Each structure stands twice: as C-alpha cells, then as structure tokens.
Amino acid sequence: MEKSDLLKIVGKRVQELRISKGLTQVDLVGKIEGEIDTTNISRIESGRTNPTIFTLYRISKALDVSLIELLNFKTEI
C-alpha cells in the first residue's frame, strides 16, 4: 500500500465517524483539545496531509471513540 492510499483511508475514516456523530468540521475543531483549524481537518479527511499520532488521538477523543476504533478501517479506498 502506498502512503497516499493510507492517508486517504484514514481521512475517510475520520470523515465517516465525524458524520456519524452529526458533526461538521467546524464542530469537530471546537471539540478538539489544543490548536487545530478547519483547514487542517479538511486536509486530513481528504488525505492531503499526514497527521501525527497525537493529532489522531485528539481527534478520536473529540469524536468520543478510541484510537483503535478510529484506526479500525477496511483497506479499500
């Protein structure tokens, strides 16, 4: 698997969980501890940036899911 493929898969998973919680990107940013902006969430969801494990952890907390659940995805794009 290519790096870009993995980033797209992770981003899609973040987006799926966010939408399932009824949150907009702005809502999600408001729930994340620490500084992050909507543009960064958009880049993560579209697979255009490589989030750190700490950023993924903060996103998982904001979505009220475990990091394991956040990274539990099918390997399809």
N, C-alpha and C. Protein backbone atom coordinates (compact mmCIF):
# COMPACT_ATOMS: atom_id res chain seq x y z
N MET A 1 0.84 -1.17 0.00
CA MET A 1 0.00 0.00 0.00
C MET A 1 0.89 1.24 0.00
N GLU A 2 0.52 2.20 -0.79
CA GLU A 2 1.24 3.46 -0.87
C GLU A 2 0.85 4.37 0.29
N LYS A 3 1.74 5.26 0.64
CA LYS A 3 1.48 6.23 1.72
C LYS A 3 0.23 7.05 1.41
N SER A 4 0.09 7.52 0.18
CA SER A 4 -1.07 8.34 -0.19
C SER A 4 -2.37 7.56 -0.04
N ASP A 5 -2.34 6.27 -0.32
CA ASP A 5 -3.54 5.45 -0.16
C ASP A 5 -3.93 5.35 1.31
N LEU A 6 -2.95 5.13 2.15
CA LEU A 6 -3.22 5.02 3.58
C LEU A 6 -3.77 6.34 4.14
N LEU A 7 -3.21 7.46 3.72
CA LEU A 7 -3.70 8.76 4.18
C LEU A 7 -5.15 8.98 3.77
N LYS A 8 -5.51 8.55 2.56
CA LYS A 8 -6.89 8.68 2.10
C LYS A 8 -7.83 7.80 2.92
N ILE A 9 -7.39 6.60 3.24
CA ILE A 9 -8.21 5.68 4.03
C ILE A 9 -8.44 6.23 5.43
N VAL A 10 -7.38 6.71 6.07
CA VAL A 10 -7.50 7.27 7.41
C VAL A 10 -8.41 8.50 7.37
N GLY A 11 -8.22 9.34 6.38
CA GLY A 11 -9.04 10.54 6.25
C GLY A 11 -10.51 10.21 6.06
N LYS A 12 -10.77 9.21 5.25
CA LYS A 12 -12.16 8.79 5.01
C LYS A 12 -12.78 8.27 6.31
N ARG A 13 -12.00 7.56 7.10
CA ARG A 13 -12.49 7.03 8.38
C ARG A 13 -12.82 8.17 9.35
N VAL A 14 -11.96 9.18 9.41
CA VAL A 14 -12.24 10.35 10.25
C VAL A 14 -13.55 10.99 9.80
N GLN A 15 -13.69 11.17 8.51
CA GLN A 15 -14.90 11.79 7.97
C GLN A 15 -16.14 10.96 8.28
N GLU A 16 -16.07 9.65 8.09
CA GLU A 16 -17.20 8.77 8.38
C GLU A 16 -17.64 8.89 9.83
N LEU A 17 -16.68 8.85 10.74
CA LEU A 17 -17.01 8.95 12.16
C LEU A 17 -17.58 10.32 12.51
N ARG A 18 -17.00 11.36 11.94
CA ARG A 18 -17.49 12.72 12.20
C ARG A 18 -18.94 12.85 11.75
N ILE A 19 -19.23 12.40 10.55
CA ILE A 19 -20.59 12.49 10.01
C ILE A 19 -21.55 11.63 10.82
N SER A 20 -21.11 10.44 11.23
CA SER A 20 -21.98 9.56 12.01
C SER A 20 -22.35 10.18 13.36
N LYS A 21 -21.49 11.09 13.85
CA LYS A 21 -21.76 11.78 15.11
C LYS A 21 -22.56 13.07 14.88
N GLY A 22 -22.88 13.36 13.62
CA GLY A 22 -23.65 14.56 13.30
C GLY A 22 -22.87 15.85 13.44
N LEU A 23 -21.56 15.77 13.25
CA LEU A 23 -20.70 16.94 13.42
C LEU A 23 -20.23 17.49 12.08
N THR A 24 -20.14 18.81 12.01
CA THR A 24 -19.47 19.44 10.88
C THR A 24 -17.98 19.49 11.20
N GLN A 25 -17.18 19.87 10.23
CA GLN A 25 -15.76 20.04 10.51
C GLN A 25 -15.53 21.12 11.56
N VAL A 26 -16.31 22.19 11.50
CA VAL A 26 -16.20 23.27 12.48
C VAL A 26 -16.54 22.76 13.88
N ASP A 27 -17.60 21.93 13.98
CA ASP A 27 -17.96 21.34 15.28
C ASP A 27 -16.82 20.49 15.82
N LEU A 28 -16.22 19.69 14.95
CA LEU A 28 -15.13 18.82 15.37
C LEU A 28 -13.95 19.63 15.88
N VAL A 29 -13.58 20.67 15.15
CA VAL A 29 -12.48 21.53 15.57
C VAL A 29 -12.75 22.10 16.96
N GLY A 30 -13.99 22.47 17.22
CA GLY A 30 -14.36 23.02 18.53
C GLY A 30 -14.23 22.03 19.67
N LYS A 31 -14.31 20.74 19.36
CA LYS A 31 -14.22 19.71 20.38
C LYS A 31 -12.79 19.19 20.61
N ILE A 32 -11.88 19.52 19.70
CA ILE A 32 -10.51 19.02 19.80
C ILE A 32 -9.71 19.88 20.77
N GLU A 33 -9.04 19.22 21.70
CA GLU A 33 -8.19 19.93 22.65
C GLU A 33 -6.93 20.42 21.95
N GLY A 34 -6.56 21.66 22.20
CA GLY A 34 -5.37 22.22 21.57
C GLY A 34 -5.73 22.91 20.27
N GLU A 35 -4.74 23.48 19.65
CA GLU A 35 -4.97 24.26 18.44
C GLU A 35 -4.95 23.39 17.19
N ILE A 36 -6.02 23.51 16.44
CA ILE A 36 -6.15 22.88 15.12
C ILE A 36 -7.21 23.68 14.39
N ASP A 37 -7.08 23.80 13.09
CA ASP A 37 -8.08 24.58 12.37
C ASP A 37 -8.85 23.71 11.39
N THR A 38 -9.94 24.28 10.90
CA THR A 38 -10.82 23.56 9.98
C THR A 38 -10.09 23.14 8.72
N THR A 39 -9.18 23.98 8.26
CA THR A 39 -8.41 23.64 7.06
C THR A 39 -7.61 22.37 7.26
N ASN A 40 -7.04 22.21 8.45
CA ASN A 40 -6.25 21.01 8.74
C ASN A 40 -7.15 19.77 8.76
N ILE A 41 -8.34 19.88 9.35
CA ILE A 41 -9.28 18.74 9.35
C ILE A 41 -9.66 18.40 7.91
N SER A 42 -9.90 19.41 7.11
CA SER A 42 -10.23 19.17 5.70
C SER A 42 -9.11 18.43 4.98
N ARG A 43 -7.87 18.84 5.25
CA ARG A 43 -6.72 18.18 4.63
C ARG A 43 -6.58 16.74 5.10
N ILE A 44 -6.83 16.49 6.38
CA ILE A 44 -6.76 15.13 6.92
C ILE A 44 -7.82 14.26 6.25
N GLU A 45 -9.05 14.77 6.21
CA GLU A 45 -10.16 13.99 5.65
C GLU A 45 -9.96 13.69 4.16
N SER A 46 -9.29 14.56 3.46
CA SER A 46 -9.08 14.33 2.03
C SER A 46 -7.78 13.58 1.74
N GLY A 47 -7.02 13.27 2.79
CA GLY A 47 -5.78 12.51 2.61
C GLY A 47 -4.62 13.33 2.08
N ARG A 48 -4.71 14.66 2.22
CA ARG A 48 -3.65 15.54 1.70
C ARG A 48 -2.57 15.87 2.73
N THR A 49 -2.72 15.39 3.96
CA THR A 49 -1.71 15.64 4.98
C THR A 49 -1.55 14.39 5.84
N ASN A 50 -0.40 14.29 6.46
CA ASN A 50 -0.08 13.14 7.28
C ASN A 50 -0.18 13.56 8.75
N PRO A 51 -1.33 13.28 9.41
CA PRO A 51 -1.49 13.70 10.79
C PRO A 51 -0.58 12.89 11.73
N THR A 52 -0.13 13.55 12.78
CA THR A 52 0.66 12.83 13.77
C THR A 52 -0.25 11.90 14.56
N ILE A 53 0.35 10.96 15.24
CA ILE A 53 -0.43 10.05 16.07
C ILE A 53 -1.12 10.83 17.19
N PHE A 54 -0.49 11.89 17.68
CA PHE A 54 -1.11 12.72 18.71
C PHE A 54 -2.33 13.46 18.17
N THR A 55 -2.26 13.94 16.93
CA THR A 55 -3.42 14.58 16.32
C THR A 55 -4.55 13.58 16.15
N LEU A 56 -4.24 12.38 15.71
CA LEU A 56 -5.27 11.34 15.58
C LEU A 56 -5.88 11.00 16.94
N TYR A 57 -5.05 10.99 17.98
CA TYR A 57 -5.54 10.74 19.34
C TYR A 57 -6.51 11.84 19.75
N ARG A 58 -6.15 13.10 19.50
CA ARG A 58 -7.04 14.21 19.87
C ARG A 58 -8.34 14.15 19.08
N ILE A 59 -8.27 13.77 17.81
CA ILE A 59 -9.48 13.62 17.00
C ILE A 59 -10.35 12.50 17.57
N SER A 60 -9.74 11.39 17.94
CA SER A 60 -10.51 10.27 18.49
C SER A 60 -11.22 10.68 19.78
N LYS A 61 -10.54 11.44 20.63
CA LYS A 61 -11.16 11.92 21.87
C LYS A 61 -12.33 12.86 21.57
N ALA A 62 -12.15 13.74 20.60
CA ALA A 62 -13.22 14.67 20.22
C ALA A 62 -14.42 13.94 19.64
N LEU A 63 -14.17 12.82 18.97
CA LEU A 63 -15.25 12.02 18.40
C LEU A 63 -15.81 11.01 19.39
N ASP A 64 -15.22 10.96 20.57
CA ASP A 64 -15.64 10.05 21.63
C ASP A 64 -15.54 8.58 21.20
N VAL A 65 -14.42 8.27 20.53
CA VAL A 65 -14.10 6.90 20.15
C VAL A 65 -12.66 6.63 20.57
N SER A 66 -12.32 5.36 20.68
CA SER A 66 -10.93 5.03 20.99
C SER A 66 -10.07 5.21 19.75
N LEU A 67 -8.79 5.36 19.97
CA LEU A 67 -7.86 5.47 18.85
C LEU A 67 -7.92 4.20 18.01
N ILE A 68 -8.09 3.07 18.66
CA ILE A 68 -8.21 1.80 17.94
C ILE A 68 -9.44 1.82 17.03
N GLU A 69 -10.56 2.33 17.54
CA GLU A 69 -11.77 2.41 16.72
C GLU A 69 -11.57 3.37 15.54
N LEU A 70 -10.88 4.47 15.79
CA LEU A 70 -10.61 5.42 14.71
C LEU A 70 -9.80 4.77 13.60
N LEU A 71 -8.84 3.94 13.99
CA LEU A 71 -7.96 3.31 13.00
C LEU A 71 -8.45 1.94 12.55
N ASN A 72 -9.66 1.57 12.94
CA ASN A 72 -10.25 0.30 12.53
C ASN A 72 -11.01 0.53 11.21
N PHE A 73 -10.33 0.31 10.10
CA PHE A 73 -10.93 0.57 8.81
C PHE A 73 -10.63 -0.56 7.84
N LYS A 74 -11.44 -0.61 6.83
CA LYS A 74 -11.19 -1.56 5.74
C LYS A 74 -10.11 -0.96 4.87
N THR A 75 -9.32 -1.77 4.26
CA THR A 75 -8.21 -1.26 3.44
C THR A 75 -8.64 -1.02 1.99
N GLU A 76 -9.79 -0.41 1.83
CA GLU A 76 -10.28 -0.07 0.49
C GLU A 76 -10.40 1.44 0.41
N ILE A 77 -10.20 1.97 -0.77
CA ILE A 77 -10.36 3.42 -0.97
C ILE A 77 -11.72 3.68 -1.56
